[in-house]
């Protein structure tokens, strides 16, 4: 499954990652790589929790990047 994540570096240099389509699914890491690894674990735990509580699992996304030249 694929989910879009947003990555931002805070004022202390920590990378904060969130998954817009999974409310409350947020993680962080000292490096970008660590933050991405942590959010993968968070997504897995989030989806496991949905399944355990018989809640619908939100579908993964198909996404394209479109470049616009101005």
PDB file of N, CA and C in Angstrom:
ATOM      1  N   UNK A   1       0.851  -1.177   0.000  1.00  0.00           N
ATOM      2  CA  UNK A   1       0.000   0.000   0.000  1.00  0.00           C
ATOM      3  C   UNK A   1       0.896   1.238   0.000  1.00  0.00           C
ATOM      4  N   UNK A   2       0.385   2.286  -0.585  1.00  0.00           N
ATOM      5  CA  UNK A   2       1.125   3.545  -0.643  1.00  0.00           C
ATOM      6  C   UNK A   2       0.290   4.640  -0.003  1.00  0.00           C
ATOM      7  N   UNK A   3       0.933   5.436   0.839  1.00  0.00           N
ATOM      8  CA  UNK A   3       0.299   6.599   1.440  1.00  0.00           C
ATOM      9  C   UNK A   3       1.217   7.802   1.259  1.00  0.00           C
ATOM     10  N   UNK A   4       0.620   8.930   0.978  1.00  0.00           N
ATOM     11  CA  UNK A   4       1.386  10.179   0.838  1.00  0.00           C
ATOM     12  C   UNK A   4       1.758  10.670   2.222  1.00  0.00           C
ATOM     13  N   UNK A   5       3.006  11.090   2.395  1.00  0.00           N
ATOM     14  CA  UNK A   5       3.452  11.652   3.667  1.00  0.00           C
ATOM     15  C   UNK A   5       3.989  13.060   3.439  1.00  0.00           C
ATOM     16  N   UNK A   6       3.871  13.870   4.464  1.00  0.00           N
ATOM     17  CA  UNK A   6       4.435  15.213   4.444  1.00  0.00           C
ATOM     18  C   UNK A   6       5.598  15.246   5.425  1.00  0.00           C
ATOM     19  N   UNK A   7       6.736  15.741   4.969  1.00  0.00           N
ATOM     20  CA  UNK A   7       7.938  15.791   5.801  1.00  0.00           C
ATOM     21  C   UNK A   7       8.344  17.247   5.979  1.00  0.00           C
ATOM     22  N   UNK A   8       8.532  17.628   7.237  1.00  0.00           N
ATOM     23  CA  UNK A   8       9.001  18.977   7.544  1.00  0.00           C
ATOM     24  C   UNK A   8      10.111  18.881   8.578  1.00  0.00           C
ATOM     25  N   UNK A   9      11.067  19.777   8.479  1.00  0.00           N
ATOM     26  CA  UNK A   9      12.124  19.845   9.478  1.00  0.00           C
ATOM     27  C   UNK A   9      11.796  20.985  10.422  1.00  0.00           C
ATOM     28  N   UNK A  10      11.733  20.702  11.725  1.00  0.00           N
ATOM     29  CA  UNK A  10      11.368  21.746  12.680  1.00  0.00           C
ATOM     30  C   UNK A  10      12.574  22.612  13.037  1.00  0.00           C
ATOM     31  N   UNK A  11      12.348  23.581  13.898  1.00  0.00           N
ATOM     32  CA  UNK A  11      13.390  24.545  14.250  1.00  0.00           C
ATOM     33  C   UNK A  11      14.580  23.904  14.973  1.00  0.00           C
ATOM     34  N   UNK A  12      14.392  22.720  15.534  1.00  0.00           N
ATOM     35  CA  UNK A  12      15.472  22.013  16.212  1.00  0.00           C
ATOM     36  C   UNK A  12      16.182  21.016  15.296  1.00  0.00           C
ATOM     37  N   UNK A  13      15.773  20.945  14.028  1.00  0.00           N
ATOM     38  CA  UNK A  13      16.391  20.050  13.071  1.00  0.00           C
ATOM     39  C   UNK A  13      15.785  18.664  13.025  1.00  0.00           C
ATOM     40  N   UNK A  14      14.728  18.427  13.804  1.00  0.00           N
ATOM     41  CA  UNK A  14      14.045  17.139  13.820  1.00  0.00           C
ATOM     42  C   UNK A  14      13.090  17.066  12.628  1.00  0.00           C
ATOM     43  N   UNK A  15      13.062  15.922  11.952  1.00  0.00           N
ATOM     44  CA  UNK A  15      12.139  15.716  10.839  1.00  0.00           C
ATOM     45  C   UNK A  15      10.820  15.180  11.376  1.00  0.00           C
ATOM     46  N   UNK A  16       9.742  15.865  11.058  1.00  0.00           N
ATOM     47  CA  UNK A  16       8.403  15.478  11.482  1.00  0.00           C
ATOM     48  C   UNK A  16       7.645  15.017  10.243  1.00  0.00           C
ATOM     49  N   UNK A  17       7.025  13.841  10.342  1.00  0.00           N
ATOM     50  CA  UNK A  17       6.334  13.249   9.201  1.00  0.00           C
ATOM     51  C   UNK A  17       4.897  12.945   9.597  1.00  0.00           C
ATOM     52  N   UNK A  18       3.957  13.300   8.719  1.00  0.00           N
ATOM     53  CA  UNK A  18       2.565  12.962   8.975  1.00  0.00           C
ATOM     54  C   UNK A  18       1.920  12.396   7.716  1.00  0.00           C
ATOM     55  N   UNK A  19       0.847  11.642   7.940  1.00  0.00           N
ATOM     56  CA  UNK A  19       0.114  11.006   6.850  1.00  0.00           C
ATOM     57  C   UNK A  19      -1.266  11.658   6.794  1.00  0.00           C
ATOM     58  N   UNK A  20      -1.502  12.566   5.845  1.00  0.00           N
ATOM     59  CA  UNK A  20      -2.772  13.304   5.805  1.00  0.00           C
ATOM     60  C   UNK A  20      -4.014  12.415   5.748  1.00  0.00           C
ATOM     61  N   UNK A  21      -3.932  11.276   5.072  1.00  0.00           N
ATOM     62  CA  UNK A  21      -5.122  10.436   4.931  1.00  0.00           C
ATOM     63  C   UNK A  21      -5.361   9.531   6.143  1.00  0.00           C
ATOM     64  N   UNK A  22      -4.435   9.537   7.108  1.00  0.00           N
ATOM     65  CA  UNK A  22      -4.595   8.765   8.338  1.00  0.00           C
ATOM     66  C   UNK A  22      -4.506   9.737   9.521  1.00  0.00           C
ATOM     67  N   UNK A  23      -5.620  10.319   9.922  1.00  0.00           N
ATOM     68  CA  UNK A  23      -5.609  11.346  10.972  1.00  0.00           C
ATOM     69  C   UNK A  23      -4.885  10.894  12.234  1.00  0.00           C
ATOM     70  N   UNK A  24      -3.955  11.724  12.678  1.00  0.00           N
ATOM     71  CA  UNK A  24      -3.213  11.434  13.899  1.00  0.00           C
ATOM     72  C   UNK A  24      -1.996  10.556  13.694  1.00  0.00           C
ATOM     73  N   UNK A  25      -1.739  10.111  12.470  1.00  0.00           N
ATOM     74  CA  UNK A  25      -0.580   9.268  12.190  1.00  0.00           C
ATOM     75  C   UNK A  25       0.612  10.181  11.916  1.00  0.00           C
ATOM     76  N   UNK A  26       1.413  10.371  12.959  1.00  0.00           N
ATOM     77  CA  UNK A  26       2.544  11.302  12.906  1.00  0.00           C
ATOM     78  C   UNK A  26       3.749  10.627  13.550  1.00  0.00           C
ATOM     79  N   UNK A  27       4.935  10.895  13.025  1.00  0.00           N
ATOM     80  CA  UNK A  27       6.156  10.380  13.628  1.00  0.00           C
ATOM     81  C   UNK A  27       7.269  11.392  13.391  1.00  0.00           C
ATOM     82  N   UNK A  28       8.462  11.049  13.858  1.00  0.00           N
ATOM     83  CA  UNK A  28       9.592  11.961  13.692  1.00  0.00           C
ATOM     84  C   UNK A  28      10.887  11.184  13.727  1.00  0.00           C
ATOM     85  N   UNK A  29      11.987  11.868  13.420  1.00  0.00           N
ATOM     86  CA  UNK A  29      13.302  11.260  13.481  1.00  0.00           C
ATOM     87  C   UNK A  29      14.383  12.317  13.404  1.00  0.00           C
ATOM     88  N   UNK A  30      15.576  11.944  13.857  1.00  0.00           N
ATOM     89  CA  UNK A  30      16.699  12.896  13.825  1.00  0.00           C
ATOM     90  C   UNK A  30      17.188  13.136  12.401  1.00  0.00           C
ATOM     91  N   UNK A  31      16.991  12.126  11.537  1.00  0.00           N
ATOM     92  CA  UNK A  31      17.362  12.264  10.127  1.00  0.00           C
ATOM     93  C   UNK A  31      16.122  11.989   9.278  1.00  0.00           C
ATOM     94  N   UNK A  32      16.193  12.378   8.025  1.00  0.00           N
ATOM     95  CA  UNK A  32      15.076  12.119   7.112  1.00  0.00           C
ATOM     96  C   UNK A  32      14.836  10.611   6.985  1.00  0.00           C
ATOM     97  N   UNK A  33      15.910   9.859   6.869  1.00  0.00           N
ATOM     98  CA  UNK A  33      15.808   8.412   6.736  1.00  0.00           C
ATOM     99  C   UNK A  33      15.168   7.787   7.973  1.00  0.00           C
ATOM    100  N   UNK A  34      15.582   8.216   9.146  1.00  0.00           N
ATOM    101  CA  UNK A  34      15.002   7.700  10.389  1.00  0.00           C
ATOM    102  C   UNK A  34      13.517   8.058  10.479  1.00  0.00           C
ATOM    103  N   UNK A  35      13.172   9.274  10.094  1.00  0.00           N
ATOM    104  CA  UNK A  35      11.774   9.708  10.145  1.00  0.00           C
ATOM    105  C   UNK A  35      10.917   8.865   9.200  1.00  0.00           C
ATOM    106  N   UNK A  36      11.420   8.569   8.013  1.00  0.00           N
ATOM    107  CA  UNK A  36      10.665   7.745   7.062  1.00  0.00           C
ATOM    108  C   UNK A  36      10.513   6.307   7.562  1.00  0.00           C
ATOM    109  N   UNK A  37      11.547   5.780   8.169  1.00  0.00           N
ATOM    110  CA  UNK A  37      11.460   4.444   8.743  1.00  0.00           C
ATOM    111  C   UNK A  37      10.424   4.418   9.869  1.00  0.00           C
ATOM    112  N   UNK A  38      10.439   5.439  10.713  1.00  0.00           N
ATOM    113  CA  UNK A  38       9.497   5.520  11.827  1.00  0.00           C
ATOM    114  C   UNK A  38       8.056   5.664  11.356  1.00  0.00           C
ATOM    115  N   UNK A  39       7.832   6.447  10.279  1.00  0.00           N
ATOM    116  CA  UNK A  39       6.451   6.632   9.822  1.00  0.00           C
ATOM    117  C   UNK A  39       5.932   5.346   9.177  1.00  0.00           C
ATOM    118  N   UNK A  40       6.809   4.562   8.562  1.00  0.00           N
ATOM    119  CA  UNK A  40       6.368   3.273   8.020  1.00  0.00           C
ATOM    120  C   UNK A  40       5.849   2.381   9.141  1.00  0.00           C
ATOM    121  N   UNK A  41       6.568   2.354  10.258  1.00  0.00           N
ATOM    122  CA  UNK A  41       6.122   1.576  11.419  1.00  0.00           C
ATOM    123  C   UNK A  41       4.809   2.126  11.965  1.00  0.00           C
ATOM    124  N   UNK A  42       4.689   3.449  12.001  1.00  0.00           N
ATOM    125  CA  UNK A  42       3.462   4.074  12.515  1.00  0.00           C
ATOM    126  C   UNK A  42       2.267   3.741  11.618  1.00  0.00           C
ATOM    127  N   UNK A  43       2.479   3.749  10.306  1.00  0.00           N
ATOM    128  CA  UNK A  43       1.397   3.411   9.370  1.00  0.00           C
ATOM    129  C   UNK A  43       0.962   1.961   9.576  1.00  0.00           C
ATOM    130  N   UNK A  44       1.930   1.053   9.705  1.00  0.00           N
ATOM    131  CA  UNK A  44       1.601  -0.351   9.931  1.00  0.00           C
ATOM    132  C   UNK A  44       0.784  -0.525  11.208  1.00  0.00           C
ATOM    133  N   UNK A  45       1.194   0.139  12.288  1.00  0.00           N
ATOM    134  CA  UNK A  45       0.478   0.044  13.561  1.00  0.00           C
ATOM    135  C   UNK A  45      -0.919   0.642  13.438  1.00  0.00           C
ATOM    136  N   UNK A  46      -1.040   1.747  12.736  1.00  0.00           N
ATOM    137  CA  UNK A  46      -2.327   2.414  12.532  1.00  0.00           C
ATOM    138  C   UNK A  46      -3.291   1.474  11.805  1.00  0.00           C
ATOM    139  N   UNK A  47      -2.805   0.858  10.719  1.00  0.00           N
ATOM    140  CA  UNK A  47      -3.652  -0.039   9.936  1.00  0.00           C
ATOM    141  C   UNK A  47      -4.017  -1.297  10.730  1.00  0.00           C
ATOM    142  N   UNK A  48      -3.081  -1.824  11.522  1.00  0.00           N
ATOM    143  CA  UNK A  48      -3.373  -2.971  12.384  1.00  0.00           C
ATOM    144  C   UNK A  48      -4.468  -2.632  13.385  1.00  0.00           C
ATOM    145  N   UNK A  49      -4.415  -1.425  13.936  1.00  0.00           N
ATOM    146  CA  UNK A  49      -5.428  -0.989  14.900  1.00  0.00           C
ATOM    147  C   UNK A  49      -6.800  -0.895  14.241  1.00  0.00           C
ATOM    148  N   UNK A  50      -6.841  -0.360  13.018  1.00  0.00           N
ATOM    149  CA  UNK A  50      -8.114  -0.287  12.297  1.00  0.00           C
ATOM    150  C   UNK A  50      -8.696  -1.686  12.112  1.00  0.00           C
ATOM    151  N   UNK A  51      -7.852  -2.611  11.677  1.00  0.00           N
ATOM    152  CA  UNK A  51      -8.318  -3.989  11.459  1.00  0.00           C
ATOM    153  C   UNK A  51      -8.790  -4.631  12.766  1.00  0.00           C
ATOM    154  N   UNK A  52      -8.050  -4.412  13.847  1.00  0.00           N
ATOM    155  CA  UNK A  52      -8.387  -5.004  15.140  1.00  0.00           C
ATOM    156  C   UNK A  52      -9.726  -4.503  15.670  1.00  0.00           C
ATOM    157  N   UNK A  53     -10.090  -3.285  15.291  1.00  0.00           N
ATOM    158  CA  UNK A  53     -11.343  -2.688  15.750  1.00  0.00           C
ATOM    159  C   UNK A  53     -12.442  -2.755  14.686  1.00  0.00           C
ATOM    160  N   UNK A  54     -12.222  -3.590  13.663  1.00  0.00           N
ATOM    161  CA  UNK A  54     -13.184  -3.763  12.570  1.00  0.00           C
ATOM    162  C   UNK A  54     -13.611  -2.446  11.933  1.00  0.00           C
ATOM    163  N   UNK A  55     -12.655  -1.526  11.811  1.00  0.00           N
ATOM    164  CA  UNK A  55     -12.908  -0.254  11.136  1.00  0.00           C
ATOM    165  C   UNK A  55     -12.374  -0.359   9.714  1.00  0.00           C
ATOM    166  N   UNK A  56     -12.960   0.383   8.793  1.00  0.00           N
ATOM    167  CA  UNK A  56     -12.495   0.288   7.404  1.00  0.00           C
ATOM    168  C   UNK A  56     -11.065   0.799   7.246  1.00  0.00           C
ATOM    169  N   UNK A  57     -10.295   0.067   6.463  1.00  0.00           N
ATOM    170  CA  UNK A  57      -8.933   0.489   6.146  1.00  0.00           C
ATOM    171  C   UNK A  57      -9.014   1.391   4.937  1.00  0.00           C
ATOM    172  N   UNK A  58      -8.490   2.588   5.091  1.00  0.00           N
ATOM    173  CA  UNK A  58      -8.539   3.554   4.005  1.00  0.00           C
ATOM    174  C   UNK A  58      -7.673   3.072   2.845  1.00  0.00           C
ATOM    175  N   UNK A  59      -8.144   3.244   1.623  1.00  0.00           N
ATOM    176  CA  UNK A  59      -7.377   2.761   0.473  1.00  0.00           C
ATOM    177  C   UNK A  59      -6.081   3.544   0.294  1.00  0.00           C
ATOM    178  N   UNK A  60      -5.099   2.864  -0.262  1.00  0.00           N
ATOM    179  CA  UNK A  60      -3.854   3.549  -0.580  1.00  0.00           C
ATOM    180  C   UNK A  60      -4.115   4.478  -1.760  1.00  0.00           C
ATOM    181  N   UNK A  61      -3.126   5.275  -2.109  1.00  0.00           N
ATOM    182  CA  UNK A  61      -3.328   6.276  -3.148  1.00  0.00           C
ATOM    183  C   UNK A  61      -2.459   5.993  -4.367  1.00  0.00           C
ATOM    184  N   UNK A  62      -2.900   6.489  -5.481  1.00  0.00           N
ATOM    185  CA  UNK A  62      -2.076   6.601  -6.673  1.00  0.00           C
ATOM    186  C   UNK A  62      -1.838   8.093  -6.851  1.00  0.00           C
ATOM    187  N   UNK A  63      -0.603   8.446  -7.043  1.00  0.00           N
ATOM    188  CA  UNK A  63      -0.277   9.866  -7.098  1.00  0.00           C
ATOM    189  C   UNK A  63       0.750  10.120  -8.180  1.00  0.00           C
ATOM    190  N   UNK A  64       0.609  11.254  -8.817  1.00  0.00           N
ATOM    191  CA  UNK A  64       1.577  11.690  -9.815  1.00  0.00           C
ATOM    192  C   UNK A  64       2.064  13.075  -9.438  1.00  0.00           C
ATOM    193  N   UNK A  65       3.286  13.341  -9.812  1.00  0.00           N
ATOM    194  CA  UNK A  65       3.846  14.681  -9.652  1.00  0.00           C
ATOM    195  C   UNK A  65       3.786  15.341 -11.013  1.00  0.00           C
ATOM    196  N   UNK A  66       3.202  16.526 -11.062  1.00  0.00           N
ATOM    197  CA  UNK A  66       3.087  17.266 -12.306  1.00  0.00           C
ATOM    198  C   UNK A  66       3.939  18.512 -12.204  1.00  0.00           C
ATOM    199  N   UNK A  67       4.843  18.683 -13.142  1.00  0.00           N
ATOM    200  CA  UNK A  67       5.716  19.850 -13.147  1.00  0.00           C
ATOM    201  C   UNK A  67       5.120  20.916 -14.036  1.00  0.00           C
ATOM    202  N   UNK A  68       5.066  22.124 -13.525  1.00  0.00           N
ATOM    203  CA  UNK A  68       4.548  23.253 -14.277  1.00  0.00           C
ATOM    204  C   UNK A  68       5.683  24.271 -14.407  1.00  0.00           C
ATOM    205  N   UNK A  69       5.986  24.640 -15.621  1.00  0.00           N
ATOM    206  CA  UNK A  69       7.044  25.607 -15.869  1.00  0.00           C
ATOM    207  C   UNK A  69       6.403  26.971 -16.081  1.00  0.00           C
ATOM    208  N   UNK A  70       6.836  27.949 -15.318  1.00  0.00           N
ATOM    209  CA  UNK A  70       6.320  29.319 -15.448  1.00  0.00           C
ATOM    210  C   UNK A  70       7.348  30.213 -16.074  1.00  0.00           C
TER     211      UNK A  70
END
